[in-house]
Amino acid sequence: MPHSLGNGSFVEVAFQTHSGPVRGMAEILTPTRKTTDGVLQPFRFVALEDDDHHRLRTSLDHVTDRDLLGLKSVAYSVPGTI
């Protein structure tokens, strides 16, 4: 994002995953890092329809499966986990 949003703000989040679009309401959390292009700012879902939850879960499972097969970049792996 070009600039940070207020911590605790509520927003609608929509993004494309391997399993299809995911859309839901989220609470903005404290920014984690500034970059040359803007800020990385985490969020947590507070409302997610069942279909969106299923697509998100399927997409995360797909990433996890790739990680277990050794296809995911080590730059994104957590040390000390399998």
PDB file of N, CA and C in Angstrom:
ATOM      1  N   MET A   1       0.839  -1.159   0.000  1.00  0.00           N
ATOM      2  CA  MET A   1       0.000   0.000   0.000  1.00  0.00           C
ATOM      3  C   MET A   1       0.896   1.238   0.000  1.00  0.00           C
ATOM      4  N   PRO A   2       0.454   2.317  -0.613  1.00  0.00           N
ATOM      5  CA  PRO A   2       1.289   3.515  -0.658  1.00  0.00           C
ATOM      6  C   PRO A   2       1.496   4.155   0.710  1.00  0.00           C
ATOM      7  N   HIS A   3       0.514   4.070   1.594  1.00  0.00           N
ATOM      8  CA  HIS A   3       0.645   4.612   2.951  1.00  0.00           C
ATOM      9  C   HIS A   3      -0.138   3.720   3.910  1.00  0.00           C
ATOM     10  N   SER A   4       0.176   3.815   5.187  1.00  0.00           N
ATOM     11  CA  SER A   4      -0.486   2.938   6.153  1.00  0.00           C
ATOM     12  C   SER A   4      -1.891   3.434   6.468  1.00  0.00           C
ATOM     13  N   LEU A   5      -2.733   2.503   6.835  1.00  0.00           N
ATOM     14  CA  LEU A   5      -4.079   2.812   7.298  1.00  0.00           C
ATOM     15  C   LEU A   5      -4.060   2.796   8.817  1.00  0.00           C
ATOM     16  N   GLY A   6      -5.044   3.407   9.423  1.00  0.00           N
ATOM     17  CA  GLY A   6      -5.112   3.456  10.877  1.00  0.00           C
ATOM     18  C   GLY A   6      -5.311   2.092  11.498  1.00  0.00           C
ATOM     19  N   ASN A   7      -4.503   1.789  12.501  1.00  0.00           N
ATOM     20  CA  ASN A   7      -4.624   0.535  13.232  1.00  0.00           C
ATOM     21  C   ASN A   7      -6.044   0.424  13.786  1.00  0.00           C
ATOM     22  N   GLY A   8      -6.706  -0.712  13.564  1.00  0.00           N
ATOM     23  CA  GLY A   8      -8.060  -0.920  14.041  1.00  0.00           C
ATOM     24  C   GLY A   8      -9.139  -0.516  13.053  1.00  0.00           C
ATOM     25  N   SER A   9      -8.749   0.072  11.926  1.00  0.00           N
ATOM     26  CA  SER A   9      -9.731   0.435  10.893  1.00  0.00           C
ATOM     27  C   SER A   9     -10.339  -0.835  10.302  1.00  0.00           C
ATOM     28  N   PHE A  10     -11.566  -0.744   9.864  1.00  0.00           N
ATOM     29  CA  PHE A  10     -12.226  -1.863   9.199  1.00  0.00           C
ATOM     30  C   PHE A  10     -12.335  -1.560   7.714  1.00  0.00           C
ATOM     31  N   VAL A  11     -11.956  -2.548   6.898  1.00  0.00           N
ATOM     32  CA  VAL A  11     -11.934  -2.384   5.450  1.00  0.00           C
ATOM     33  C   VAL A  11     -12.502  -3.631   4.782  1.00  0.00           C
ATOM     34  N   GLU A  12     -12.842  -3.474   3.515  1.00  0.00           N
ATOM     35  CA  GLU A  12     -13.201  -4.636   2.710  1.00  0.00           C
ATOM     36  C   GLU A  12     -11.957  -5.033   1.937  1.00  0.00           C
ATOM     37  N   VAL A  13     -11.593  -6.302   2.009  1.00  0.00           N
ATOM     38  CA  VAL A  13     -10.399  -6.826   1.356  1.00  0.00           C
ATOM     39  C   VAL A  13     -10.843  -7.783   0.251  1.00  0.00           C
ATOM     40  N   ALA A  14     -10.228  -7.670  -0.912  1.00  0.00           N
ATOM     41  CA  ALA A  14     -10.500  -8.589  -2.016  1.00  0.00           C
ATOM     42  C   ALA A  14      -9.187  -8.880  -2.726  1.00  0.00           C
ATOM     43  N   PHE A  15      -8.937 -10.151  -2.991  1.00  0.00           N
ATOM     44  CA  PHE A  15      -7.734 -10.539  -3.718  1.00  0.00           C
ATOM     45  C   PHE A  15      -7.965 -11.865  -4.416  1.00  0.00           C
ATOM     46  N   GLN A  16      -7.134 -12.116  -5.403  1.00  0.00           N
ATOM     47  CA  GLN A  16      -7.224 -13.331  -6.200  1.00  0.00           C
ATOM     48  C   GLN A  16      -6.276 -14.382  -5.631  1.00  0.00           C
ATOM     49  N   THR A  17      -6.749 -15.616  -5.521  1.00  0.00           N
ATOM     50  CA  THR A  17      -5.909 -16.727  -5.087  1.00  0.00           C
ATOM     51  C   THR A  17      -5.888 -17.789  -6.180  1.00  0.00           C
ATOM     52  N   HIS A  18      -5.085 -18.804  -5.960  1.00  0.00           N
ATOM     53  CA  HIS A  18      -5.027 -19.948  -6.873  1.00  0.00           C
ATOM     54  C   HIS A  18      -6.413 -20.598  -7.016  1.00  0.00           C
ATOM     55  N   SER A  19      -7.218 -20.523  -5.966  1.00  0.00           N
ATOM     56  CA  SER A  19      -8.535 -21.166  -5.943  1.00  0.00           C
ATOM     57  C   SER A  19      -9.678 -20.239  -6.330  1.00  0.00           C
ATOM     58  N   GLY A  20      -9.370 -18.986  -6.628  1.00  0.00           N
ATOM     59  CA  GLY A  20     -10.406 -18.030  -7.003  1.00  0.00           C
ATOM     60  C   GLY A  20     -10.379 -16.814  -6.097  1.00  0.00           C
ATOM     61  N   PRO A  21     -11.295 -15.873  -6.335  1.00  0.00           N
ATOM     62  CA  PRO A  21     -11.305 -14.637  -5.556  1.00  0.00           C
ATOM     63  C   PRO A  21     -11.749 -14.856  -4.114  1.00  0.00           C
ATOM     64  N   VAL A  22     -11.151 -14.078  -3.212  1.00  0.00           N
ATOM     65  CA  VAL A  22     -11.531 -14.089  -1.794  1.00  0.00           C
ATOM     66  C   VAL A  22     -11.881 -12.655  -1.433  1.00  0.00           C
ATOM     67  N   ARG A  23     -13.022 -12.494  -0.770  1.00  0.00           N
ATOM     68  CA  ARG A  23     -13.482 -11.156  -0.399  1.00  0.00           C
ATOM     69  C   ARG A  23     -14.080 -11.226   0.997  1.00  0.00           C
ATOM     70  N   GLY A  24     -13.715 -10.259   1.857  1.00  0.00           N
ATOM     71  CA  GLY A  24     -14.251 -10.246   3.207  1.00  0.00           C
ATOM     72  C   GLY A  24     -13.961  -8.939   3.914  1.00  0.00           C
ATOM     73  N   MET A  25     -14.488  -8.804   5.097  1.00  0.00           N
ATOM     74  CA  MET A  25     -14.235  -7.636   5.934  1.00  0.00           C
ATOM     75  C   MET A  25     -13.050  -7.949   6.829  1.00  0.00           C
ATOM     76  N   ALA A  26     -12.184  -6.939   7.027  1.00  0.00           N
ATOM     77  CA  ALA A  26     -10.965  -7.157   7.799  1.00  0.00           C
ATOM     78  C   ALA A  26     -10.677  -5.969   8.701  1.00  0.00           C
ATOM     79  N   GLU A  27      -9.940  -6.254   9.766  1.00  0.00           N
ATOM     80  CA  GLU A  27      -9.448  -5.215  10.662  1.00  0.00           C
ATOM     81  C   GLU A  27      -7.974  -4.990  10.351  1.00  0.00           C
ATOM     82  N   ILE A  28      -7.588  -3.743  10.173  1.00  0.00           N
ATOM     83  CA  ILE A  28      -6.203  -3.393   9.873  1.00  0.00           C
ATOM     84  C   ILE A  28      -5.373  -3.469  11.154  1.00  0.00           C
ATOM     85  N   LEU A  29      -4.199  -4.092  11.048  1.00  0.00           N
ATOM     86  CA  LEU A  29      -3.275  -4.216  12.175  1.00  0.00           C
ATOM     87  C   LEU A  29      -2.089  -3.267  11.971  1.00  0.00           C
ATOM     88  N   THR A  30      -1.208  -3.206  12.931  1.00  0.00           N
ATOM     89  CA  THR A  30      -0.059  -2.300  12.886  1.00  0.00           C
ATOM     90  C   THR A  30       0.857  -2.628  11.707  1.00  0.00           C
ATOM     91  N   PRO A  31       1.281  -1.609  10.935  1.00  0.00           N
ATOM     92  CA  PRO A  31       2.183  -1.859   9.803  1.00  0.00           C
ATOM     93  C   PRO A  31       3.450  -2.577  10.269  1.00  0.00           C
ATOM     94  N   THR A  32       3.960  -3.469   9.415  1.00  0.00           N
ATOM     95  CA  THR A  32       5.133  -4.245   9.788  1.00  0.00           C
ATOM     96  C   THR A  32       6.427  -3.686   9.215  1.00  0.00           C
ATOM     97  N   ARG A  33       6.364  -3.070   8.038  1.00  0.00           N
ATOM     98  CA  ARG A  33       7.603  -2.628   7.403  1.00  0.00           C
ATOM     99  C   ARG A  33       7.302  -1.608   6.317  1.00  0.00           C
ATOM    100  N   LYS A  34       8.180  -0.625   6.190  1.00  0.00           N
ATOM    101  CA  LYS A  34       8.104   0.321   5.077  1.00  0.00           C
ATOM    102  C   LYS A  34       8.993  -0.204   3.960  1.00  0.00           C
ATOM    103  N   THR A  35       8.547  -0.013   2.740  1.00  0.00           N
ATOM    104  CA  THR A  35       9.335  -0.396   1.573  1.00  0.00           C
ATOM    105  C   THR A  35       9.488   0.838   0.683  1.00  0.00           C
ATOM    106  N   THR A  36      10.233   0.710  -0.381  1.00  0.00           N
ATOM    107  CA  THR A  36      10.374   1.837  -1.303  1.00  0.00           C
ATOM    108  C   THR A  36       9.059   2.139  -2.012  1.00  0.00           C
ATOM    109  N   ASP A  37       8.166   1.144  -2.088  1.00  0.00           N
ATOM    110  CA  ASP A  37       6.878   1.322  -2.769  1.00  0.00           C
ATOM    111  C   ASP A  37       5.731   1.657  -1.820  1.00  0.00           C
ATOM    112  N   GLY A  38       5.950   1.582  -0.520  1.00  0.00           N
ATOM    113  CA  GLY A  38       4.868   1.835   0.422  1.00  0.00           C
ATOM    114  C   GLY A  38       5.083   1.090   1.723  1.00  0.00           C
ATOM    115  N   VAL A  39       4.004   0.518   2.245  1.00  0.00           N
ATOM    116  CA  VAL A  39       4.069  -0.181   3.527  1.00  0.00           C
ATOM    117  C   VAL A  39       3.440  -1.571   3.412  1.00  0.00           C
ATOM    118  N   LEU A  40       3.982  -2.491   4.199  1.00  0.00           N
ATOM    119  CA  LEU A  40       3.356  -3.805   4.344  1.00  0.00           C
ATOM    120  C   LEU A  40       2.511  -3.730   5.610  1.00  0.00           C
ATOM    121  N   GLN A  41       1.219  -3.977   5.455  1.00  0.00           N
ATOM    122  CA  GLN A  41       0.330  -3.828   6.601  1.00  0.00           C
ATOM    123  C   GLN A  41      -0.563  -5.060   6.717  1.00  0.00           C
ATOM    124  N   PRO A  42      -0.425  -5.793   7.823  1.00  0.00           N
ATOM    125  CA  PRO A  42      -1.234  -6.996   8.004  1.00  0.00           C
ATOM    126  C   PRO A  42      -2.682  -6.643   8.343  1.00  0.00           C
ATOM    127  N   PHE A  43      -3.535  -7.640   8.198  1.00  0.00           N
ATOM    128  CA  PHE A  43      -4.942  -7.506   8.560  1.00  0.00           C
ATOM    129  C   PHE A  43      -5.430  -8.848   9.055  1.00  0.00           C
ATOM    130  N   ARG A  44      -6.577  -8.826   9.713  1.00  0.00           N
ATOM    131  CA  ARG A  44      -7.210 -10.094  10.102  1.00  0.00           C
ATOM    132  C   ARG A  44      -8.653 -10.039   9.662  1.00  0.00           C
ATOM    133  N   PHE A  45      -9.119 -11.148   9.123  1.00  0.00           N
ATOM    134  CA  PHE A  45     -10.513 -11.213   8.697  1.00  0.00           C
ATOM    135  C   PHE A  45     -11.422 -11.183   9.912  1.00  0.00           C
ATOM    136  N   VAL A  46     -12.493 -10.412   9.812  1.00  0.00           N
ATOM    137  CA  VAL A  46     -13.516 -10.389  10.861  1.00  0.00           C
ATOM    138  C   VAL A  46     -14.839 -10.925  10.333  1.00  0.00           C
ATOM    139  N   ALA A  47     -14.986 -10.982   9.015  1.00  0.00           N
ATOM    140  CA  ALA A  47     -16.182 -11.556   8.389  1.00  0.00           C
ATOM    141  C   ALA A  47     -15.788 -12.120   7.030  1.00  0.00           C
ATOM    142  N   LEU A  48     -16.139 -13.389   6.836  1.00  0.00           N
ATOM    143  CA  LEU A  48     -15.778 -14.081   5.606  1.00  0.00           C
ATOM    144  C   LEU A  48     -16.880 -15.076   5.283  1.00  0.00           C
ATOM    145  N   GLU A  49     -17.452 -14.975   4.095  1.00  0.00           N
ATOM    146  CA  GLU A  49     -18.489 -15.920   3.674  1.00  0.00           C
ATOM    147  C   GLU A  49     -17.900 -17.329   3.563  1.00  0.00           C
ATOM    148  N   ASP A  50     -18.747 -18.333   3.665  1.00  0.00           N
ATOM    149  CA  ASP A  50     -18.296 -19.722   3.609  1.00  0.00           C
ATOM    150  C   ASP A  50     -17.524 -20.037   2.326  1.00  0.00           C
ATOM    151  N   ASP A  51     -18.024 -19.575   1.182  1.00  0.00           N
ATOM    152  CA  ASP A  51     -17.338 -19.853  -0.093  1.00  0.00           C
ATOM    153  C   ASP A  51     -15.963 -19.202  -0.136  1.00  0.00           C
ATOM    154  N   ASP A  52     -15.863 -17.965   0.369  1.00  0.00           N
ATOM    155  CA  ASP A  52     -14.575 -17.282   0.402  1.00  0.00           C
ATOM    156  C   ASP A  52     -13.611 -17.989   1.358  1.00  0.00           C
ATOM    157  N   HIS A  53     -14.130 -18.432   2.492  1.00  0.00           N
ATOM    158  CA  HIS A  53     -13.310 -19.171   3.456  1.00  0.00           C
ATOM    159  C   HIS A  53     -12.779 -20.451   2.818  1.00  0.00           C
ATOM    160  N   HIS A  54     -13.621 -21.139   2.105  1.00  0.00           N
ATOM    161  CA  HIS A  54     -13.215 -22.391   1.439  1.00  0.00           C
ATOM    162  C   HIS A  54     -12.118 -22.116   0.395  1.00  0.00           C
ATOM    163  N   ARG A  55     -12.284 -21.057  -0.422  1.00  0.00           N
ATOM    164  CA  ARG A  55     -11.263 -20.733  -1.427  1.00  0.00           C
ATOM    165  C   ARG A  55      -9.939 -20.357  -0.764  1.00  0.00           C
ATOM    166  N   LEU A  56     -10.012 -19.583   0.319  1.00  0.00           N
ATOM    167  CA  LEU A  56      -8.788 -19.203   1.033  1.00  0.00           C
ATOM    168  C   LEU A  56      -8.104 -20.435   1.628  1.00  0.00           C
ATOM    169  N   ARG A  57      -8.867 -21.302   2.273  1.00  0.00           N
ATOM    170  CA  ARG A  57      -8.316 -22.518   2.873  1.00  0.00           C
ATOM    171  C   ARG A  57      -7.682 -23.407   1.803  1.00  0.00           C
ATOM    172  N   THR A  58      -8.368 -23.580   0.674  1.00  0.00           N
ATOM    173  CA  THR A  58      -7.849 -24.401  -0.424  1.00  0.00           C
ATOM    174  C   THR A  58      -6.547 -23.817  -0.960  1.00  0.00           C
ATOM    175  N   SER A  59      -6.509 -22.501  -1.106  1.00  0.00           N
ATOM    176  CA  SER A  59      -5.297 -21.850  -1.599  1.00  0.00           C
ATOM    177  C   SER A  59      -4.141 -22.010  -0.621  1.00  0.00           C
ATOM    178  N   LEU A  60      -4.410 -21.834   0.670  1.00  0.00           N
ATOM    179  CA  LEU A  60      -3.362 -22.014   1.680  1.00  0.00           C
ATOM    180  C   LEU A  60      -2.884 -23.460   1.728  1.00  0.00           C
ATOM    181  N   ASP A  61      -3.806 -24.395   1.584  1.00  0.00           N
ATOM    182  CA  ASP A  61      -3.419 -25.809   1.540  1.00  0.00           C
ATOM    183  C   ASP A  61      -2.511 -26.079   0.342  1.00  0.00           C
ATOM    184  N   HIS A  62      -2.817 -25.447  -0.783  1.00  0.00           N
ATOM    185  CA  HIS A  62      -2.001 -25.619  -1.990  1.00  0.00           C
ATOM    186  C   HIS A  62      -0.574 -25.111  -1.745  1.00  0.00           C
ATOM    187  N   VAL A  63      -0.442 -23.964  -1.113  1.00  0.00           N
ATOM    188  CA  VAL A  63       0.881 -23.406  -0.808  1.00  0.00           C
ATOM    189  C   VAL A  63       1.615 -24.321   0.167  1.00  0.00           C
ATOM    190  N   THR A  64       0.919 -24.815   1.177  1.00  0.00           N
ATOM    191  CA  THR A  64       1.517 -25.716   2.158  1.00  0.00           C
ATOM    192  C   THR A  64       1.987 -27.001   1.488  1.00  0.00           C
ATOM    193  N   ASP A  65       1.170 -27.551   0.594  1.00  0.00           N
ATOM    194  CA  ASP A  65       1.557 -28.769  -0.123  1.00  0.00           C
ATOM    195  C   ASP A  65       2.817 -28.525  -0.945  1.00  0.00           C
ATOM    196  N   ARG A  66       2.912 -27.368  -1.604  1.00  0.00           N
ATOM    197  CA  ARG A  66       4.106 -27.048  -2.391  1.00  0.00           C
ATOM    198  C   ARG A  66       5.316 -26.939  -1.476  1.00  0.00           C
ATOM    199  N   ASP A  67       5.134 -26.348  -0.299  1.00  0.00           N
ATOM    200  CA  ASP A  67       6.235 -26.192   0.654  1.00  0.00           C
ATOM    201  C   ASP A  67       6.733 -27.564   1.101  1.00  0.00           C
ATOM    202  N   LEU A  68       5.814 -28.473   1.391  1.00  0.00           N
ATOM    203  CA  LEU A  68       6.207 -29.809   1.840  1.00  0.00           C
ATOM    204  C   LEU A  68       6.932 -30.586   0.747  1.00  0.00           C
ATOM    205  N   LEU A  69       6.637 -30.260  -0.506  1.00  0.00           N
ATOM    206  CA  LEU A  69       7.314 -30.927  -1.617  1.00  0.00           C
ATOM    207  C   LEU A  69       8.644 -30.268  -1.959  1.00  0.00           C
ATOM    208  N   GLY A  70       8.980 -29.184  -1.254  1.00  0.00           N
ATOM    209  CA  GLY A  70      10.240 -28.506  -1.492  1.00  0.00           C
ATOM    210  C   GLY A  70      10.210 -27.554  -2.668  1.00  0.00           C
ATOM    211  N   LEU A  71       9.009 -27.177  -3.131  1.00  0.00           N
ATOM    212  CA  LEU A  71       8.907 -26.304  -4.279  1.00  0.00           C
ATOM    213  C   LEU A  71       8.812 -24.838  -3.902  1.00  0.00           C
ATOM    214  N   LYS A  72       8.545 -24.549  -2.648  1.00  0.00           N
ATOM    215  CA  LYS A  72       8.402 -23.174  -2.210  1.00  0.00           C
ATOM    216  C   LYS A  72       9.763 -22.601  -1.850  1.00  0.00           C
ATOM    217  N   SER A  73       9.948 -21.331  -2.091  1.00  0.00           N
ATOM    218  CA  SER A  73      11.210 -20.655  -1.799  1.00  0.00           C
ATOM    219  C   SER A  73      11.522 -20.718  -0.309  1.00  0.00           C
ATOM    220  N   VAL A  74      12.763 -20.973   0.041  1.00  0.00           N
ATOM    221  CA  VAL A  74      13.174 -20.996   1.445  1.00  0.00           C
ATOM    222  C   VAL A  74      13.107 -19.614   2.063  1.00  0.00           C
ATOM    223  N   ALA A  75      13.024 -18.588   1.252  1.00  0.00           N
ATOM    224  CA  ALA A  75      12.918 -17.220   1.775  1.00  0.00           C
ATOM    225  C   ALA A  75      11.621 -17.026   2.567  1.00  0.00           C
ATOM    226  N   TYR A  76      10.643 -17.868   2.313  1.00  0.00           N
ATOM    227  CA  TYR A  76       9.358 -17.728   2.984  1.00  0.00           C
ATOM    228  C   TYR A  76       9.087 -18.817   4.009  1.00  0.00           C
ATOM    229  N   SER A  77      10.040 -19.681   4.261  1.00  0.00           N
ATOM    230  CA  SER A  77       9.824 -20.752   5.223  1.00  0.00           C
ATOM    231  C   SER A  77      10.183 -20.273   6.631  1.00  0.00           C
ATOM    232  N   VAL A  78       9.556 -20.878   7.615  1.00  0.00           N
ATOM    233  CA  VAL A  78       9.807 -20.539   9.005  1.00  0.00           C
ATOM    234  C   VAL A  78      10.846 -21.507   9.558  1.00  0.00           C
ATOM    235  N   PRO A  79      11.969 -21.010  10.072  1.00  0.00           N
ATOM    236  CA  PRO A  79      13.008 -21.898  10.597  1.00  0.00           C
ATOM    237  C   PRO A  79      12.477 -22.796  11.711  1.00  0.00           C
ATOM    238  N   GLY A  80      12.908 -24.030  11.725  1.00  0.00           N
ATOM    239  CA  GLY A  80      12.536 -24.958  12.775  1.00  0.00           C
ATOM    240  C   GLY A  80      11.180 -25.605  12.605  1.00  0.00           C
ATOM    241  N   THR A  81      10.537 -25.453  11.414  1.00  0.00           N
ATOM    242  CA  THR A  81       9.257 -26.105  11.186  1.00  0.00           C
ATOM    243  C   THR A  81       9.386 -27.066  10.030  1.00  0.00           C
ATOM    244  N   ILE A  82       8.451 -27.971   9.952  1.00  0.00           N
ATOM    245  CA  ILE A  82       8.450 -28.939   8.855  1.00  0.00           C
ATOM    246  C   ILE A  82       7.383 -28.541   7.860  1.00  0.00           C
TER     247      ILE A  82
END
